Amino acid sequence: MDEMALLREARPDVAPPTDAALRTGRDRLAAAARPARRWPPRVPRPAAMGLLAGTAAVAAAVAITMAQVVAPEGRGSATAAAAEVLRDAAATARSGPPVRPAAYSYTMQLVVWPDEHGTQCEETWLRRDGSMAAGTTLPERPGGRCDLHEPGRWVPTLRDGDVDRRPHADVRTLPTGPSALRERLYSDAAHGRGQNADDKGPRDQLVFNRIGRLLRMPLPPELRAALFQTLATVPGVDVVHSERDALGRQGIALARSFGDPGDTVRVEIILAPGTYRYLGMKAVQDTATGVPMTHLTALLTTAAVTTPFQRP
């Protein structure tokens, strides 16, 4: 059965999306697909992750489907299947080794773009609240390697005007009780704390995205466990089994759609089976052709460092 054809036949009177709607869709896909701010390129990079394609009829049908798991901001919870996975993840995290978070978390990840730019490497420094302090891109070496084979050429930079006069709130100030942590993360989302300047979307999605960034970082076991428990209370979170990151590593994904009519971006946090270690993320944009645009990452290295630009 051709579901796309059925959707088009069901709503033949719906007009094509306007240019403004397409621009909005592009911006939302870009914001959802990257867990942190885009930076001035050191190698050619696309202006956006992809184009919002599809008719209003398809968007409306997807929105109806997602309504089964998406609730208004702050109300509802994850699906039963996702909650079960997250309970196990929290229990596993509590037995992890002690970690003392430093001022910044260094990450290196492989990034697969949904266009001709293909695969690149992204080096980032996250503040203790999960927001971006600095970053750069590097060429991929054969085999998905992202080592610095040309020292001094690919220099990380702070965004113009983004002087790092702090870090933001230390993760050690975040509550480790799920209810208190949830209240704190939603309050931070409402007031722009712990976010990147270009993070947009409903608070439920901002909290989901921030938890994804925090899980990339070295964290104390009790906080990592609390993040998994809090994720189980975010409306619209579902589980996708046998998902793969940018390196092809198989994992369990916690997925959430923006859930807005006309916006079919779905973001996934991919975890390793058994250990629930963060593997990477995936962002998927539905299109009218039925072939979704997909953006993938794979975390290669994460470490605590004391300053931006310091490498482990």
C-alpha atoms as a PDB file:
ATOM      1  CA  MET A   1       0.000   0.000   0.000  1.00  0.00           C
ATOM      2  CA  ASP A   2       1.318   3.503  -0.887  1.00  0.00           C
ATOM      3  CA  GLU A   3       0.562   5.531   2.272  1.00  0.00           C
ATOM      4  CA  MET A   4       1.909   8.742   0.767  1.00  0.00           C
ATOM      5  CA  ALA A   5      -0.503   8.469  -2.167  1.00  0.00           C
ATOM      6  CA  LEU A   6      -3.398   7.824   0.212  1.00  0.00           C
ATOM      7  CA  LEU A   7      -2.518  10.922   2.226  1.00  0.00           C
ATOM      8  CA  ARG A   8      -2.392  13.086  -0.891  1.00  0.00           C
ATOM      9  CA  GLU A   9      -5.713  11.738  -2.127  1.00  0.00           C
ATOM     10  CA  ALA A  10      -7.287  12.330   1.274  1.00  0.00           C
ATOM     11  CA  ARG A  11      -6.501  16.064   1.222  1.00  0.00           C
ATOM     12  CA  PRO A  12      -6.224  17.166  -2.433  1.00  0.00           C
ATOM     13  CA  ASP A  13      -7.543  20.635  -1.541  1.00  0.00           C
ATOM     14  CA  VAL A  14      -4.633  21.532   0.735  1.00  0.00           C
ATOM     15  CA  ALA A  15      -2.401  24.212  -0.750  1.00  0.00           C
ATOM     16  CA  PRO A  16       1.369  23.724  -0.997  1.00  0.00           C
ATOM     17  CA  PRO A  17       3.414  25.179   1.894  1.00  0.00           C
ATOM     18  CA  THR A  18       4.419  28.851   1.652  1.00  0.00           C
ATOM     19  CA  ASP A  19       8.015  30.067   1.456  1.00  0.00           C
ATOM     20  CA  ALA A  20       7.707  31.266   5.047  1.00  0.00           C
ATOM     21  CA  ALA A  21       6.606  27.798   6.176  1.00  0.00           C
ATOM     22  CA  LEU A  22       9.520  26.226   4.334  1.00  0.00           C
ATOM     23  CA  ARG A  23      11.985  28.630   5.986  1.00  0.00           C
ATOM     24  CA  THR A  24      10.511  27.860   9.396  1.00  0.00           C
ATOM     25  CA  GLY A  25      10.832  24.143   8.735  1.00  0.00           C
ATOM     26  CA  ARG A  26      14.468  24.480   7.712  1.00  0.00           C
ATOM     27  CA  ASP A  27      15.260  26.406  10.886  1.00  0.00           C
ATOM     28  CA  ARG A  28      13.510  23.839  13.085  1.00  0.00           C
ATOM     29  CA  LEU A  29      15.292  20.898  11.455  1.00  0.00           C
ATOM     30  CA  ALA A  30      18.656  22.622  11.858  1.00  0.00           C
ATOM     31  CA  ALA A  31      18.001  23.394  15.538  1.00  0.00           C
ATOM     32  CA  ALA A  32      16.745  19.877  16.267  1.00  0.00           C
ATOM     33  CA  ALA A  33      19.460  18.028  14.388  1.00  0.00           C
ATOM     34  CA  ARG A  34      22.373  19.667  16.144  1.00  0.00           C
ATOM     35  CA  PRO A  35      22.511  19.466  19.900  1.00  0.00           C
ATOM     36  CA  ALA A  36      24.619  22.590  20.049  1.00  0.00           C
ATOM     37  CA  ARG A  37      25.284  25.847  18.210  1.00  0.00           C
ATOM     38  CA  ARG A  38      26.650  25.954  14.656  1.00  0.00           C
ATOM     39  CA  TRP A  39      30.089  27.557  14.320  1.00  0.00           C
ATOM     40  CA  PRO A  40      32.024  29.356  11.579  1.00  0.00           C
ATOM     41  CA  PRO A  41      33.239  26.574   9.278  1.00  0.00           C
ATOM     42  CA  ARG A  42      36.797  25.409   8.834  1.00  0.00           C
ATOM     43  CA  VAL A  43      35.666  23.270   5.936  1.00  0.00           C
ATOM     44  CA  PRO A  44      32.646  23.882   3.668  1.00  0.00           C
ATOM     45  CA  ARG A  45      29.377  23.224   5.492  1.00  0.00           C
ATOM     46  CA  PRO A  46      25.747  23.548   4.485  1.00  0.00           C
ATOM     47  CA  ALA A  47      23.731  26.595   5.401  1.00  0.00           C
ATOM     48  CA  ALA A  48      21.070  24.353   6.919  1.00  0.00           C
ATOM     49  CA  MET A  49      20.616  20.693   7.732  1.00  0.00           C
ATOM     50  CA  GLY A  50      18.019  20.248   5.047  1.00  0.00           C
ATOM     51  CA  LEU A  51      14.885  21.596   3.462  1.00  0.00           C
ATOM     52  CA  LEU A  52      11.411  21.129   4.808  1.00  0.00           C
ATOM     53  CA  ALA A  53       9.626  19.216   2.069  1.00  0.00           C
ATOM     54  CA  GLY A  54       6.080  17.892   1.979  1.00  0.00           C
ATOM     55  CA  THR A  55       2.506  19.025   1.702  1.00  0.00           C
ATOM     56  CA  ALA A  56       0.243  20.315   4.419  1.00  0.00           C
ATOM     57  CA  ALA A  57      -1.801  17.136   4.065  1.00  0.00           C
ATOM     58  CA  VAL A  58       1.179  14.929   4.965  1.00  0.00           C
ATOM     59  CA  ALA A  59       2.127  17.236   7.836  1.00  0.00           C
ATOM     60  CA  ALA A  60      -1.398  17.142   9.220  1.00  0.00           C
ATOM     61  CA  ALA A  61      -1.517  13.345   9.048  1.00  0.00           C
ATOM     62  CA  VAL A  62       1.817  13.036  10.859  1.00  0.00           C
ATOM     63  CA  ALA A  63       0.635  15.492  13.513  1.00  0.00           C
ATOM     64  CA  ILE A  64      -2.460  13.358  14.120  1.00  0.00           C
ATOM     65  CA  THR A  65      -0.289  10.266  14.557  1.00  0.00           C
ATOM     66  CA  MET A  66       2.110  12.023  16.919  1.00  0.00           C
ATOM     67  CA  ALA A  67      -0.789  13.347  19.020  1.00  0.00           C
ATOM     68  CA  GLN A  68      -1.009   9.870  20.495  1.00  0.00           C
ATOM     69  CA  VAL A  69       2.241  10.454  22.384  1.00  0.00           C
ATOM     70  CA  VAL A  70       2.643  14.256  22.477  1.00  0.00           C
ATOM     71  CA  ALA A  71       0.948  16.206  25.249  1.00  0.00           C
ATOM     72  CA  PRO A  72       0.923  19.944  26.044  1.00  0.00           C
ATOM     73  CA  GLU A  73       4.069  21.316  27.668  1.00  0.00           C
ATOM     74  CA  GLY A  74       4.834  19.868  31.059  1.00  0.00           C
ATOM     75  CA  ARG A  75       1.878  17.458  31.147  1.00  0.00           C
ATOM     76  CA  GLY A  76       1.811  13.763  30.397  1.00  0.00           C
ATOM     77  CA  SER A  77       4.805  11.441  30.326  1.00  0.00           C
ATOM     78  CA  ALA A  78       6.822   9.092  28.163  1.00  0.00           C
ATOM     79  CA  THR A  79       5.226   5.972  26.726  1.00  0.00           C
ATOM     80  CA  ALA A  80       5.158   2.837  28.873  1.00  0.00           C
ATOM     81  CA  ALA A  81       7.823   1.206  26.677  1.00  0.00           C
ATOM     82  CA  ALA A  82      10.147   4.199  27.017  1.00  0.00           C
ATOM     83  CA  ALA A  83       9.549   4.409  30.775  1.00  0.00           C
ATOM     84  CA  GLU A  84      10.538   0.758  31.173  1.00  0.00           C
ATOM     85  CA  VAL A  85      13.817   1.317  29.291  1.00  0.00           C
ATOM     86  CA  LEU A  86      14.546   4.454  31.305  1.00  0.00           C
ATOM     87  CA  ARG A  87      13.937   2.714  34.640  1.00  0.00           C
ATOM     88  CA  ASP A  88      16.543   0.134  33.687  1.00  0.00           C
ATOM     89  CA  ALA A  89      18.896   2.863  32.456  1.00  0.00           C
ATOM     90  CA  ALA A  90      18.589   4.756  35.755  1.00  0.00           C
ATOM     91  CA  ALA A  91      19.275   1.613  37.805  1.00  0.00           C
ATOM     92  CA  THR A  92      22.337   0.844  35.668  1.00  0.00           C
ATOM     93  CA  ALA A  93      23.641   4.427  35.897  1.00  0.00           C
ATOM     94  CA  ARG A  94      23.577   4.411  39.708  1.00  0.00           C
ATOM     95  CA  SER A  95      26.219   1.676  39.782  1.00  0.00           C
ATOM     96  CA  GLY A  96      28.592   3.640  37.563  1.00  0.00           C
ATOM     97  CA  PRO A  97      32.032   4.887  38.694  1.00  0.00           C
ATOM     98  CA  PRO A  98      32.314   8.228  40.508  1.00  0.00           C
ATOM     99  CA  VAL A  99      32.964  11.232  38.282  1.00  0.00           C
ATOM    100  CA  ARG A 100      34.114  14.712  39.233  1.00  0.00           C
ATOM    101  CA  PRO A 101      32.867  17.108  36.534  1.00  0.00           C
ATOM    102  CA  ALA A 102      35.301  19.826  35.494  1.00  0.00           C
ATOM    103  CA  ALA A 103      34.400  23.270  34.186  1.00  0.00           C
ATOM    104  CA  TYR A 104      33.943  21.989  30.630  1.00  0.00           C
ATOM    105  CA  SER A 105      33.293  18.755  28.780  1.00  0.00           C
ATOM    106  CA  TYR A 106      35.243  18.054  25.617  1.00  0.00           C
ATOM    107  CA  THR A 107      33.530  15.981  22.916  1.00  0.00           C
ATOM    108  CA  MET A 108      34.551  14.710  19.510  1.00  0.00           C
ATOM    109  CA  GLN A 109      31.857  13.210  17.342  1.00  0.00           C
ATOM    110  CA  LEU A 110      31.337  11.987  13.805  1.00  0.00           C
ATOM    111  CA  VAL A 111      28.566  13.875  11.988  1.00  0.00           C
ATOM    112  CA  VAL A 112      26.693  12.667   8.903  1.00  0.00           C
ATOM    113  CA  TRP A 113      24.873  15.453   7.069  1.00  0.00           C
ATOM    114  CA  PRO A 114      21.767  14.781   4.945  1.00  0.00           C
ATOM    115  CA  ASP A 115      23.274  16.292   1.785  1.00  0.00           C
ATOM    116  CA  GLU A 116      26.352  16.420  -0.413  1.00  0.00           C
ATOM    117  CA  HIS A 117      28.619  17.486   2.449  1.00  0.00           C
ATOM    118  CA  GLY A 118      28.612  13.916   3.677  1.00  0.00           C
ATOM    119  CA  THR A 119      30.546  13.064   6.821  1.00  0.00           C
ATOM    120  CA  GLN A 120      32.613  15.425   8.947  1.00  0.00           C
ATOM    121  CA  CYS A 121      33.979  15.592  12.472  1.00  0.00           C
ATOM    122  CA  GLU A 122      32.762  18.031  15.105  1.00  0.00           C
ATOM    123  CA  GLU A 123      34.812  19.062  18.114  1.00  0.00           C
ATOM    124  CA  THR A 124      32.978  20.853  20.939  1.00  0.00           C
ATOM    125  CA  TRP A 125      33.461  22.211  24.433  1.00  0.00           C
ATOM    126  CA  LEU A 126      30.307  22.165  26.556  1.00  0.00           C
ATOM    127  CA  ARG A 127      29.839  24.205  29.712  1.00  0.00           C
ATOM    128  CA  ARG A 128      28.817  22.412  32.875  1.00  0.00           C
ATOM    129  CA  ASP A 129      25.144  23.168  32.181  1.00  0.00           C
ATOM    130  CA  GLY A 130      25.281  21.494  28.749  1.00  0.00           C
ATOM    131  CA  SER A 131      25.371  24.676  26.645  1.00  0.00           C
ATOM    132  CA  MET A 132      28.052  25.275  24.015  1.00  0.00           C
ATOM    133  CA  ALA A 133      31.209  27.224  24.819  1.00  0.00           C
ATOM    134  CA  ALA A 134      33.228  26.621  21.639  1.00  0.00           C
ATOM    135  CA  GLY A 135      33.526  24.314  18.677  1.00  0.00           C
ATOM    136  CA  THR A 136      34.923  23.608  15.241  1.00  0.00           C
ATOM    137  CA  THR A 137      34.665  21.096  12.412  1.00  0.00           C
ATOM    138  CA  LEU A 138      37.371  18.829  11.005  1.00  0.00           C
ATOM    139  CA  PRO A 139      37.670  16.659   7.905  1.00  0.00           C
ATOM    140  CA  GLU A 140      36.886  13.001   8.430  1.00  0.00           C
ATOM    141  CA  ARG A 141      39.786  10.592   8.017  1.00  0.00           C
ATOM    142  CA  PRO A 142      39.278   7.132   6.492  1.00  0.00           C
ATOM    143  CA  GLY A 143      37.345   4.738   8.689  1.00  0.00           C
ATOM    144  CA  GLY A 144      35.388   7.405  10.541  1.00  0.00           C
ATOM    145  CA  ARG A 145      38.422   8.723  12.431  1.00  0.00           C
ATOM    146  CA  CYS A 146      38.490  12.273  13.741  1.00  0.00           C
ATOM    147  CA  ASP A 147      42.015  12.772  15.025  1.00  0.00           C
ATOM    148  CA  LEU A 148      43.836  16.098  14.660  1.00  0.00           C
ATOM    149  CA  HIS A 149      46.211  15.119  11.874  1.00  0.00           C
ATOM    150  CA  GLU A 150      46.976  18.725  10.922  1.00  0.00           C
ATOM    151  CA  PRO A 151      47.739  20.452  14.259  1.00  0.00           C
ATOM    152  CA  GLY A 152      47.196  24.193  14.252  1.00  0.00           C
ATOM    153  CA  ARG A 153      45.087  24.300  11.118  1.00  0.00           C
ATOM    154  CA  TRP A 154      41.636  23.541  12.487  1.00  0.00           C
ATOM    155  CA  VAL A 155      41.418  26.097  15.283  1.00  0.00           C
ATOM    156  CA  PRO A 156      38.271  26.100  17.470  1.00  0.00           C
ATOM    157  CA  THR A 157      36.595  29.439  17.992  1.00  0.00           C
ATOM    158  CA  LEU A 158      34.074  31.113  20.224  1.00  0.00           C
ATOM    159  CA  ARG A 159      31.074  32.555  18.424  1.00  0.00           C
ATOM    160  CA  ASP A 160      31.444  36.297  17.734  1.00  0.00           C
ATOM    161  CA  GLY A 161      30.184  38.177  20.771  1.00  0.00           C
ATOM    162  CA  ASP A 162      29.867  35.002  22.867  1.00  0.00           C
ATOM    163  CA  VAL A 163      32.430  35.835  25.520  1.00  0.00           C
ATOM    164  CA  ASP A 164      32.557  33.015  28.055  1.00  0.00           C
ATOM    165  CA  ARG A 165      32.548  34.949  31.362  1.00  0.00           C
ATOM    166  CA  ARG A 166      31.391  31.984  33.470  1.00  0.00           C
ATOM    167  CA  PRO A 167      30.593  28.692  32.939  1.00  0.00           C
ATOM    168  CA  HIS A 168      26.901  28.543  33.625  1.00  0.00           C
ATOM    169  CA  ALA A 169      25.524  26.612  36.589  1.00  0.00           C
ATOM    170  CA  ASP A 170      27.683  23.667  37.560  1.00  0.00           C
ATOM    171  CA  VAL A 171      25.969  20.306  37.008  1.00  0.00           C
ATOM    172  CA  ARG A 172      26.726  19.659  40.695  1.00  0.00           C
ATOM    173  CA  THR A 173      24.026  22.231  41.506  1.00  0.00           C
ATOM    174  CA  LEU A 174      21.387  20.249  39.610  1.00  0.00           C
ATOM    175  CA  PRO A 175      19.082  18.257  41.912  1.00  0.00           C
ATOM    176  CA  THR A 176      19.402  14.481  41.810  1.00  0.00           C
ATOM    177  CA  GLY A 177      15.787  13.881  42.813  1.00  0.00           C
ATOM    178  CA  PRO A 178      13.706  13.324  39.636  1.00  0.00           C
ATOM    179  CA  SER A 179      10.864  15.677  40.624  1.00  0.00           C
ATOM    180  CA  ALA A 180      13.185  18.496  41.656  1.00  0.00           C
ATOM    181  CA  LEU A 181      15.389  17.973  38.599  1.00  0.00           C
ATOM    182  CA  ARG A 182      12.382  18.069  36.290  1.00  0.00           C
ATOM    183  CA  GLU A 183      11.175  21.315  37.874  1.00  0.00           C
ATOM    184  CA  ARG A 184      14.646  22.832  37.520  1.00  0.00           C
ATOM    185  CA  LEU A 185      15.083  21.827  33.861  1.00  0.00           C
ATOM    186  CA  TYR A 186      11.657  23.177  32.878  1.00  0.00           C
ATOM    187  CA  SER A 187      12.330  26.412  34.748  1.00  0.00           C
ATOM    188  CA  ASP A 188      15.708  26.740  33.021  1.00  0.00           C
ATOM    189  CA  ALA A 189      14.051  26.156  29.635  1.00  0.00           C
ATOM    190  CA  ALA A 190      11.480  28.857  30.344  1.00  0.00           C
ATOM    191  CA  HIS A 191      14.189  31.378  31.265  1.00  0.00           C
ATOM    192  CA  GLY A 192      16.849  30.431  28.705  1.00  0.00           C
ATOM    193  CA  ARG A 193      19.282  28.940  31.205  1.00  0.00           C
ATOM    194  CA  GLY A 194      21.411  26.043  30.024  1.00  0.00           C
ATOM    195  CA  GLN A 195      20.361  26.665  26.425  1.00  0.00           C
ATOM    196  CA  ASN A 196      22.202  27.810  23.333  1.00  0.00           C
ATOM    197  CA  ALA A 197      21.184  31.177  21.933  1.00  0.00           C
ATOM    198  CA  ASP A 198      19.518  29.607  18.891  1.00  0.00           C
ATOM    199  CA  ASP A 199      17.652  26.819  20.733  1.00  0.00           C
ATOM    200  CA  LYS A 200      13.981  27.126  19.777  1.00  0.00           C
ATOM    201  CA  GLY A 201      10.868  25.074  20.289  1.00  0.00           C
ATOM    202  CA  PRO A 202       8.421  23.979  22.994  1.00  0.00           C
ATOM    203  CA  ARG A 203       9.800  23.589  26.503  1.00  0.00           C
ATOM    204  CA  ASP A 204       9.249  19.829  26.387  1.00  0.00           C
ATOM    205  CA  GLN A 205      11.590  19.634  23.401  1.00  0.00           C
ATOM    206  CA  LEU A 206      14.133  22.021  24.937  1.00  0.00           C
ATOM    207  CA  VAL A 207      14.273  19.839  28.065  1.00  0.00           C
ATOM    208  CA  PHE A 208      14.600  16.689  25.933  1.00  0.00           C
ATOM    209  CA  ASN A 209      17.433  18.231  23.891  1.00  0.00           C
ATOM    210  CA  ARG A 210      19.263  19.486  26.973  1.00  0.00           C
ATOM    211  CA  ILE A 211      19.112  16.073  28.632  1.00  0.00           C
ATOM    212  CA  GLY A 212      20.633  14.671  25.438  1.00  0.00           C
ATOM    213  CA  ARG A 213      23.528  17.159  25.669  1.00  0.00           C
ATOM    214  CA  LEU A 214      24.079  16.452  29.354  1.00  0.00           C
ATOM    215  CA  LEU A 215      24.205  12.695  28.729  1.00  0.00           C
ATOM    216  CA  ARG A 216      27.162  13.296  26.382  1.00  0.00           C
ATOM    217  CA  MET A 217      29.176  14.651  29.311  1.00  0.00           C
ATOM    218  CA  PRO A 218      31.054  12.925  32.151  1.00  0.00           C
ATOM    219  CA  LEU A 219      28.489  13.035  34.994  1.00  0.00           C
ATOM    220  CA  PRO A 220      28.220  11.717  38.547  1.00  0.00           C
ATOM    221  CA  PRO A 221      26.230   8.442  38.607  1.00  0.00           C
ATOM    222  CA  GLU A 222      23.399   9.873  40.710  1.00  0.00           C
ATOM    223  CA  LEU A 223      22.844  12.768  38.291  1.00  0.00           C
ATOM    224  CA  ARG A 224      22.944  10.502  35.227  1.00  0.00           C
ATOM    225  CA  ALA A 225      20.356   8.250  36.877  1.00  0.00           C
ATOM    226  CA  ALA A 226      18.154  11.259  37.692  1.00  0.00           C
ATOM    227  CA  LEU A 227      18.345  12.465  34.087  1.00  0.00           C
ATOM    228  CA  PHE A 228      17.035   9.108  32.863  1.00  0.00           C
ATOM    229  CA  GLN A 229      14.235   9.228  35.432  1.00  0.00           C
ATOM    230  CA  THR A 230      13.360  12.776  34.413  1.00  0.00           C
ATOM    231  CA  LEU A 231      13.360  11.836  30.737  1.00  0.00           C
ATOM    232  CA  ALA A 232      10.625   9.294  31.539  1.00  0.00           C
ATOM    233  CA  THR A 233       8.389  12.199  32.633  1.00  0.00           C
ATOM    234  CA  VAL A 234       8.807  14.275  29.448  1.00  0.00           C
ATOM    235  CA  PRO A 235       5.641  14.055  27.316  1.00  0.00           C
ATOM    236  CA  GLY A 236       5.978  12.388  23.945  1.00  0.00           C
ATOM    237  CA  VAL A 237       9.167  10.377  24.572  1.00  0.00           C
ATOM    238  CA  ASP A 238       9.021   6.935  22.954  1.00  0.00           C
ATOM    239  CA  VAL A 239      11.521   4.131  22.389  1.00  0.00           C
ATOM    240  CA  VAL A 240      12.947   2.873  19.082  1.00  0.00           C
ATOM    241  CA  HIS A 241      14.800  -0.439  19.222  1.00  0.00           C
ATOM    242  CA  SER A 242      17.700  -1.451  16.967  1.00  0.00           C
ATOM    243  CA  GLU A 243      18.616   2.104  15.986  1.00  0.00           C
ATOM    244  CA  ARG A 244      22.121   2.899  14.671  1.00  0.00           C
ATOM    245  CA  ASP A 245      24.395   5.898  15.143  1.00  0.00           C
ATOM    246  CA  ALA A 246      26.728   7.474  12.560  1.00  0.00           C
ATOM    247  CA  LEU A 247      29.278   4.675  13.041  1.00  0.00           C
ATOM    248  CA  GLY A 248      26.668   1.967  12.587  1.00  0.00           C
ATOM    249  CA  ARG A 249      26.716   1.013  16.268  1.00  0.00           C
ATOM    250  CA  GLN A 250      23.380  -0.484  17.244  1.00  0.00           C
ATOM    251  CA  GLY A 251      21.534   0.959  20.204  1.00  0.00           C
ATOM    252  CA  ILE A 252      18.248   1.818  21.857  1.00  0.00           C
ATOM    253  CA  ALA A 253      16.869   5.253  20.978  1.00  0.00           C
ATOM    254  CA  LEU A 254      14.684   7.555  23.058  1.00  0.00           C
ATOM    255  CA  ALA A 255      12.763   9.562  20.478  1.00  0.00           C
ATOM    256  CA  ARG A 256      10.582  12.647  20.540  1.00  0.00           C
ATOM    257  CA  SER A 257       8.832  14.649  17.836  1.00  0.00           C
ATOM    258  CA  PHE A 258       8.296  18.384  18.066  1.00  0.00           C
ATOM    259  CA  GLY A 259       4.626  17.479  17.660  1.00  0.00           C
ATOM    260  CA  ASP A 260       3.659  20.756  15.999  1.00  0.00           C
ATOM    261  CA  PRO A 261       1.306  20.699  13.001  1.00  0.00           C
ATOM    262  CA  GLY A 262       3.479  21.114   9.924  1.00  0.00           C
ATOM    263  CA  ASP A 263       6.696  20.178  11.772  1.00  0.00           C
ATOM    264  CA  THR A 264       7.646  16.517  11.547  1.00  0.00           C
ATOM    265  CA  VAL A 265      11.173  16.624  12.947  1.00  0.00           C
ATOM    266  CA  ARG A 266      11.901  13.675  15.259  1.00  0.00           C
ATOM    267  CA  VAL A 267      14.987  13.738  17.489  1.00  0.00           C
ATOM    268  CA  GLU A 268      16.480  10.562  18.988  1.00  0.00           C
ATOM    269  CA  ILE A 269      19.023   9.999  21.762  1.00  0.00           C
ATOM    270  CA  ILE A 270      20.789   6.690  21.015  1.00  0.00           C
ATOM    271  CA  LEU A 271      22.101   4.636  23.955  1.00  0.00           C
ATOM    272  CA  ALA A 272      24.201   1.472  24.083  1.00  0.00           C
ATOM    273  CA  PRO A 273      22.198  -1.646  25.020  1.00  0.00           C
ATOM    274  CA  GLY A 274      22.919  -2.901  28.515  1.00  0.00           C
ATOM    275  CA  THR A 275      25.218  -0.061  29.629  1.00  0.00           C
ATOM    276  CA  TYR A 276      23.005   2.834  28.403  1.00  0.00           C
ATOM    277  CA  ARG A 277      26.122   4.774  27.480  1.00  0.00           C
ATOM    278  CA  TYR A 278      25.420   7.692  25.135  1.00  0.00           C
ATOM    279  CA  LEU A 279      26.271   6.684  21.545  1.00  0.00           C
ATOM    280  CA  GLY A 280      24.927   9.542  19.443  1.00  0.00           C
ATOM    281  CA  MET A 281      21.824  11.223  18.144  1.00  0.00           C
ATOM    282  CA  LYS A 282      19.575  11.111  15.119  1.00  0.00           C
ATOM    283  CA  ALA A 283      17.243  13.720  13.641  1.00  0.00           C
ATOM    284  CA  VAL A 284      14.706  12.750  10.993  1.00  0.00           C
ATOM    285  CA  GLN A 285      12.616  15.061   8.790  1.00  0.00           C
ATOM    286  CA  ASP A 286       9.724  13.556   6.848  1.00  0.00           C
ATOM    287  CA  THR A 287       9.367  14.611   3.210  1.00  0.00           C
ATOM    288  CA  ALA A 288       6.643  14.415   0.580  1.00  0.00           C
ATOM    289  CA  THR A 289       8.654  11.835  -1.351  1.00  0.00           C
ATOM    290  CA  GLY A 290       8.379   9.375   1.507  1.00  0.00           C
ATOM    291  CA  VAL A 291      12.192   9.290   1.850  1.00  0.00           C
ATOM    292  CA  PRO A 292      13.098  11.050   5.111  1.00  0.00           C
ATOM    293  CA  MET A 293      16.141  13.296   5.499  1.00  0.00           C
ATOM    294  CA  THR A 294      18.350  11.969   8.277  1.00  0.00           C
ATOM    295  CA  HIS A 295      21.132  13.589  10.300  1.00  0.00           C
ATOM    296  CA  LEU A 296      23.309  11.321  12.481  1.00  0.00           C
ATOM    297  CA  THR A 297      26.112  11.701  15.005  1.00  0.00           C
ATOM    298  CA  ALA A 298      28.349   9.263  16.874  1.00  0.00           C
ATOM    299  CA  LEU A 299      30.186  10.261  20.031  1.00  0.00           C
ATOM    300  CA  LEU A 300      33.864   9.246  19.776  1.00  0.00           C
ATOM    301  CA  THR A 301      35.420  10.981  22.774  1.00  0.00           C
ATOM    302  CA  THR A 302      34.193  12.758  25.875  1.00  0.00           C
ATOM    303  CA  ALA A 303      36.337  14.037  28.727  1.00  0.00           C
ATOM    304  CA  ALA A 304      36.358  16.628  31.499  1.00  0.00           C
ATOM    305  CA  VAL A 305      38.688  19.591  30.874  1.00  0.00           C
ATOM    306  CA  THR A 306      39.348  22.873  32.697  1.00  0.00           C
ATOM    307  CA  THR A 307      39.205  25.400  29.845  1.00  0.00           C
ATOM    308  CA  PRO A 308      37.728  25.786  26.353  1.00  0.00           C
ATOM    309  CA  PHE A 309      40.163  24.649  23.641  1.00  0.00           C
ATOM    310  CA  GLN A 310      41.880  22.194  26.013  1.00  0.00           C
ATOM    311  CA  ARG A 311      42.010  18.668  24.593  1.00  0.00           C
ATOM    312  CA  PRO A 312      42.335  15.471  26.663  1.00  0.00           C
END
